Amino acid sequence: KENERDFLTCDIYVRNRGQHNDLTGEYVLAQEAVNFRTWLENRNINIIPVSYEDALMYGNYYLTIAPRHICAVKGLSSKFTEAMNQYGVMVEWIKSENISKAYGASLSMVQVLNRAN
C-alpha cells in the first residue's frame, strides 16, 4: 500500500534497437512508479527477510559470487541459515574479525586487503 513504510516503486526502462537491429539504441521510459515488490514477484524473484538481530550482525551485507551463491558473515542465526537453504542459496561463511578490527563491516570484504605478513 502506498502509505506503508516499505512501499517502493521503480521506473522501468527498455533499450531501443539500434540501426543494425542490435541493443545499442537509447533507453526509454516504459513504465513509471511500478511497485518494486510486485515487479520482483512477477519475475519469480524471492525476497528473503533478514531479522533485526541478523541485520545487527551484518546479515544484510553479503557478496554475491554467482547465482544463488554468496559470501556472508559467519555467526548468523540458524533462522538465517535455514532461509538460505530453503531458497537454495549456497553460503560461504566468512569470519569477519579482521575486517571489524579495521572499523569496517562485511561490506568491506569486496575491497582489496593487503596483508603485510
Protein backbone atom coordinates (compact mmCIF):
# COMPACT_ATOMS: atom_id res chain seq x y z
CA LYS A 1 0.00 0.00 0.00
CA GLU A 2 1.26 3.44 -0.83
CA ASN A 3 1.14 4.67 2.76
CA GLU A 4 3.25 1.78 4.12
CA ARG A 5 6.83 2.44 5.11
CA ASP A 6 8.32 -0.16 2.76
CA PHE A 7 6.29 0.78 -0.31
CA LEU A 8 8.91 1.23 -3.01
CA THR A 9 8.48 1.99 -6.66
CA CYS A 10 10.77 1.72 -9.63
CA ASP A 11 10.81 3.04 -13.16
CA ILE A 12 11.26 0.52 -15.98
CA TYR A 13 13.41 1.46 -18.94
CA VAL A 14 13.84 -0.53 -22.14
CA ARG A 15 16.56 -0.20 -24.70
CA ASN A 16 15.57 0.53 -28.28
CA ARG A 17 17.16 -1.37 -31.12
CA GLY A 18 20.00 0.43 -32.88
CA GLN A 19 20.48 0.93 -36.61
CA HIS A 20 21.78 -2.65 -37.02
CA ASN A 21 18.84 -4.14 -35.06
CA ASP A 22 21.07 -4.67 -32.03
CA LEU A 23 20.65 -3.36 -28.49
CA THR A 24 22.73 -0.24 -28.98
CA GLY A 25 19.87 2.24 -29.01
CA GLU A 26 18.89 4.64 -26.26
CA TYR A 27 17.00 3.69 -23.11
CA VAL A 28 13.43 4.99 -22.92
CA LEU A 29 10.99 5.00 -20.02
CA ALA A 30 8.47 2.18 -20.47
CA GLN A 31 6.69 2.20 -17.08
CA GLU A 32 6.77 4.69 -14.24
CA ALA A 33 6.28 4.15 -10.49
CA VAL A 34 5.90 0.35 -10.66
CA ASN A 35 5.54 -1.39 -7.30
CA PHE A 36 9.03 -2.84 -6.81
CA ARG A 37 7.91 -5.84 -4.73
CA THR A 38 5.34 -6.78 -7.39
CA TRP A 39 7.94 -6.33 -10.13
CA LEU A 40 10.27 -8.77 -8.35
CA GLU A 41 7.49 -11.29 -7.64
CA ASN A 42 6.37 -11.22 -11.30
CA ARG A 43 9.89 -12.36 -12.20
CA ASN A 44 9.86 -15.14 -9.57
CA ILE A 45 12.48 -13.32 -7.51
CA ASN A 46 12.07 -14.09 -3.82
CA ILE A 47 12.67 -11.60 -1.05
CA ILE A 48 14.34 -13.32 1.90
CA PRO A 49 13.73 -11.32 5.07
CA VAL A 50 16.65 -10.68 7.43
CA SER A 51 15.79 -10.37 11.12
CA TYR A 52 16.77 -7.29 13.10
CA GLU A 53 19.22 -9.39 15.12
CA ASP A 54 20.89 -10.76 11.99
CA ALA A 55 20.99 -7.27 10.50
CA LEU A 56 22.94 -6.12 13.57
CA MET A 57 25.40 -8.94 12.83
CA TYR A 58 25.76 -7.74 9.20
CA GLY A 59 23.40 -10.39 7.81
CA ASN A 60 22.17 -7.98 5.17
CA TYR A 61 25.71 -7.40 3.87
CA TYR A 62 26.94 -10.21 1.67
CA LEU A 63 28.89 -10.67 -1.51
CA THR A 64 27.18 -12.46 -4.38
CA ILE A 65 29.77 -14.56 -6.19
CA ALA A 66 27.43 -16.47 -8.51
CA PRO A 67 23.69 -17.04 -8.88
CA ARG A 68 22.43 -18.39 -5.53
CA HIS A 69 25.98 -18.37 -4.12
CA ILE A 70 27.08 -15.77 -1.56
CA CYS A 71 29.78 -15.00 0.99
CA ALA A 72 28.26 -14.00 4.33
CA VAL A 73 29.46 -13.26 7.83
CA LYS A 74 29.88 -16.34 10.00
CA GLY A 75 27.78 -16.41 13.16
CA LEU A 76 24.32 -15.52 11.88
CA SER A 77 21.22 -17.21 13.29
CA SER A 78 20.01 -20.68 12.40
CA LYS A 79 16.87 -19.00 11.02
CA PHE A 80 19.05 -17.15 8.50
CA THR A 81 20.86 -20.37 7.57
CA GLU A 82 17.55 -22.24 7.18
CA ALA A 83 16.17 -19.49 4.91
CA MET A 84 19.25 -19.68 2.69
CA ASN A 85 18.88 -23.47 2.49
CA GLN A 86 15.15 -23.19 1.76
CA TYR A 87 15.81 -20.95 -1.25
CA GLY A 88 18.78 -22.99 -2.48
CA VAL A 89 21.42 -20.39 -1.68
CA MET A 90 24.93 -21.76 -1.10
CA VAL A 91 26.73 -19.72 1.56
CA GLU A 92 30.47 -19.42 2.09
CA TRP A 93 30.78 -18.40 5.75
CA ILE A 94 33.48 -15.80 6.33
CA LYS A 95 34.99 -14.83 9.68
CA SER A 96 34.87 -11.05 9.96
CA GLU A 97 37.15 -10.39 12.93
CA ASN A 98 39.93 -8.86 10.82
CA ILE A 99 37.53 -6.66 8.91
CA SER A 100 35.72 -5.44 12.03
CA LYS A 101 39.03 -4.64 13.76
CA ALA A 102 39.67 -2.16 10.97
CA TYR A 103 36.32 -0.48 11.71
CA GLY A 104 34.79 -1.93 8.57
CA ALA A 105 31.78 -4.11 8.02
CA SER A 106 31.31 -7.22 5.96
CA LEU A 107 30.69 -4.88 3.06
CA SER A 108 34.44 -4.35 3.17
CA MET A 109 35.00 -7.94 2.02
CA VAL A 110 34.65 -6.70 -1.54
CA GLN A 111 37.66 -4.43 -1.03
CA VAL A 112 41.27 -5.42 -1.67
CA LEU A 113 43.08 -6.42 1.51
CA ASN A 114 46.85 -6.21 1.55
CA ARG A 115 48.37 -8.26 4.36
CA ALA A 116 51.88 -7.37 5.50
CA ASN A 117 52.79 -10.93 6.52
